[in-house]
């Protein structure tokens, strides 16, 4: 059984990252929390208990998502739900029973810090990240 605690983060792909960052930072008041290298192309803004991630389509992460946003490209890379706990064998067994293919478990940064996560896809091909609790001493938790 999977129990969702809340939304951890949303990842938006863009051809104009500075414009989008400015909108969320200056208009909506979301401060920049973390910025990775230009090669990766990721900026994370704090939105209350959650994060809004802005990914440049020119960066490594953005290129992995396909074409730039528009009529033939998508701008939502994935969304992440924070799980109450992360019992990996139980999660994988549950997903398998429902014929859902799960990616590798990796440590990724989220709204509460670094912790385990698994990527899956919903029936429409939307990528969903299942994120566990933060590692001890990581992030804001």
Protein backbone atom coordinates (compact mmCIF):
# COMPACT_ATOMS: atom_id res chain seq x y z
CA UNK A 1 0.00 0.00 0.00
CA UNK A 2 1.26 3.46 -0.91
CA UNK A 3 0.25 6.40 1.32
CA UNK A 4 0.81 9.87 -0.09
CA UNK A 5 1.68 12.58 2.39
CA UNK A 6 1.52 15.49 -0.06
CA UNK A 7 2.97 17.09 -3.17
CA UNK A 8 6.75 17.39 -2.94
CA UNK A 9 7.57 19.24 -6.15
CA UNK A 10 6.57 20.00 -9.73
CA UNK A 11 9.15 20.25 -12.53
CA UNK A 12 8.50 22.73 -15.35
CA UNK A 13 10.53 22.65 -18.58
CA UNK A 14 11.14 25.95 -20.37
CA UNK A 15 13.08 27.53 -23.22
CA UNK A 16 13.22 30.78 -21.19
CA UNK A 17 14.25 29.79 -17.65
CA UNK A 18 15.11 33.31 -16.40
CA UNK A 19 11.63 34.56 -17.36
CA UNK A 20 9.93 31.67 -15.55
CA UNK A 21 12.20 31.96 -12.49
CA UNK A 22 11.46 35.68 -12.33
CA UNK A 23 7.71 35.03 -12.46
CA UNK A 24 7.72 32.52 -9.60
CA UNK A 25 10.27 34.47 -7.55
CA UNK A 26 9.15 38.05 -8.11
CA UNK A 27 5.43 37.68 -8.82
CA UNK A 28 4.54 34.74 -6.57
CA UNK A 29 7.22 35.26 -3.91
CA UNK A 30 8.96 31.87 -4.20
CA UNK A 31 12.62 32.33 -3.20
CA UNK A 32 15.35 30.43 -5.06
CA UNK A 33 16.45 27.62 -2.77
CA UNK A 34 18.93 25.72 -4.89
CA UNK A 35 20.58 26.07 -8.28
CA UNK A 36 22.63 23.40 -10.04
CA UNK A 37 25.22 23.88 -12.76
CA UNK A 38 24.30 25.49 -16.07
CA UNK A 39 25.03 22.12 -17.70
CA UNK A 40 22.28 20.48 -15.63
CA UNK A 41 19.97 23.48 -15.96
CA UNK A 42 17.92 23.19 -12.76
CA UNK A 43 16.71 25.94 -10.40
CA UNK A 44 14.54 25.04 -7.40
CA UNK A 45 12.21 27.61 -5.81
CA UNK A 46 10.52 27.21 -2.43
CA UNK A 47 6.70 27.25 -2.58
CA UNK A 48 5.64 26.76 1.03
CA UNK A 49 6.30 23.15 1.99
CA UNK A 50 6.89 22.21 -1.67
CA UNK A 51 9.27 23.11 -4.48
CA UNK A 52 8.79 24.36 -8.03
CA UNK A 53 11.69 23.19 -10.18
CA UNK A 54 12.51 25.10 -13.36
CA UNK A 55 14.49 23.12 -15.95
CA UNK A 56 16.01 24.70 -19.03
CA UNK A 57 15.31 22.66 -22.16
CA UNK A 58 18.93 23.42 -23.15
CA UNK A 59 20.34 21.71 -20.03
CA UNK A 60 21.02 18.01 -19.52
CA UNK A 61 17.77 17.46 -17.60
CA UNK A 62 15.66 19.45 -20.06
CA UNK A 63 17.02 17.69 -23.14
CA UNK A 64 16.02 14.35 -21.60
CA UNK A 65 12.37 15.50 -21.67
CA UNK A 66 12.15 15.83 -25.45
CA UNK A 67 11.15 18.87 -27.48
CA UNK A 68 10.72 22.29 -25.93
CA UNK A 69 7.26 23.25 -24.63
CA UNK A 70 4.79 24.10 -27.35
CA UNK A 71 2.19 22.41 -29.50
CA UNK A 72 4.36 19.30 -29.91
CA UNK A 73 6.37 19.39 -26.70
CA UNK A 74 5.42 19.27 -23.04
CA UNK A 75 6.48 21.57 -20.28
CA UNK A 76 5.66 19.37 -17.29
CA UNK A 77 8.65 17.08 -16.82
CA UNK A 78 7.22 15.25 -13.81
CA UNK A 79 5.52 15.77 -10.50
CA UNK A 80 6.55 14.27 -7.22
CA UNK A 81 4.45 12.97 -4.35
CA UNK A 82 5.93 12.60 -0.89
CA UNK A 83 5.20 9.22 0.67
CA UNK A 84 4.63 8.65 4.39
CA UNK A 85 7.36 6.01 4.40
CA UNK A 86 9.60 4.31 1.87
CA UNK A 87 9.46 0.53 2.20
CA UNK A 88 11.07 -0.17 -1.16
CA UNK A 89 10.24 -3.90 -1.38
CA UNK A 90 6.59 -3.24 -0.46
CA UNK A 91 6.33 -0.35 -2.94
CA UNK A 92 7.83 -2.42 -5.76
CA UNK A 93 5.56 -5.37 -4.96
CA UNK A 94 2.51 -3.09 -4.95
CA UNK A 95 3.48 -1.50 -8.29
CA UNK A 96 4.18 -4.89 -9.85
CA UNK A 97 0.72 -6.15 -8.82
CA UNK A 98 -0.70 -3.20 -10.74
CA UNK A 99 1.56 -3.80 -13.76
CA UNK A 100 3.44 -0.54 -13.24
CA UNK A 101 7.08 -0.49 -14.28
CA UNK A 102 9.31 1.20 -11.69
CA UNK A 103 12.66 2.84 -12.35
CA UNK A 104 15.73 2.48 -10.18
CA UNK A 105 15.67 3.78 -6.64
CA UNK A 106 17.93 6.81 -6.38
CA UNK A 107 18.67 9.52 -3.84
CA UNK A 108 17.21 12.79 -5.06
CA UNK A 109 16.71 16.23 -3.58
CA UNK A 110 13.14 17.29 -2.77
CA UNK A 111 11.25 19.80 -0.65
CA UNK A 112 12.46 18.20 2.59
CA UNK A 113 15.99 17.29 1.48
CA UNK A 114 17.71 14.27 -0.07
CA UNK A 115 15.94 10.94 0.10
CA UNK A 116 14.98 7.82 -1.83
CA UNK A 117 12.74 8.06 -4.87
CA UNK A 118 11.42 5.97 -7.74
CA UNK A 119 10.07 7.20 -11.09
CA UNK A 120 6.97 5.60 -12.61
CA UNK A 121 4.58 6.59 -15.41
CA UNK A 122 0.82 6.95 -15.22
CA UNK A 123 -1.37 5.48 -18.01
CA UNK A 124 -1.10 8.71 -20.05
CA UNK A 125 2.70 8.70 -19.86
CA UNK A 126 3.02 11.40 -17.17
CA UNK A 127 6.09 10.80 -15.04
CA UNK A 128 5.38 10.53 -11.30
CA UNK A 129 8.16 10.50 -8.72
CA UNK A 130 7.46 8.57 -5.52
CA UNK A 131 9.61 10.25 -2.85
CA UNK A 132 10.39 8.89 0.58
CA UNK A 133 11.30 10.74 3.79
CA UNK A 134 14.52 12.76 3.79
CA UNK A 135 17.78 11.19 4.88
CA UNK A 136 18.90 11.98 8.45
CA UNK A 137 20.40 15.48 8.58
CA UNK A 138 19.35 16.35 5.02
CA UNK A 139 17.52 19.47 3.96
CA UNK A 140 14.85 21.30 5.92
CA UNK A 141 13.23 18.40 7.77
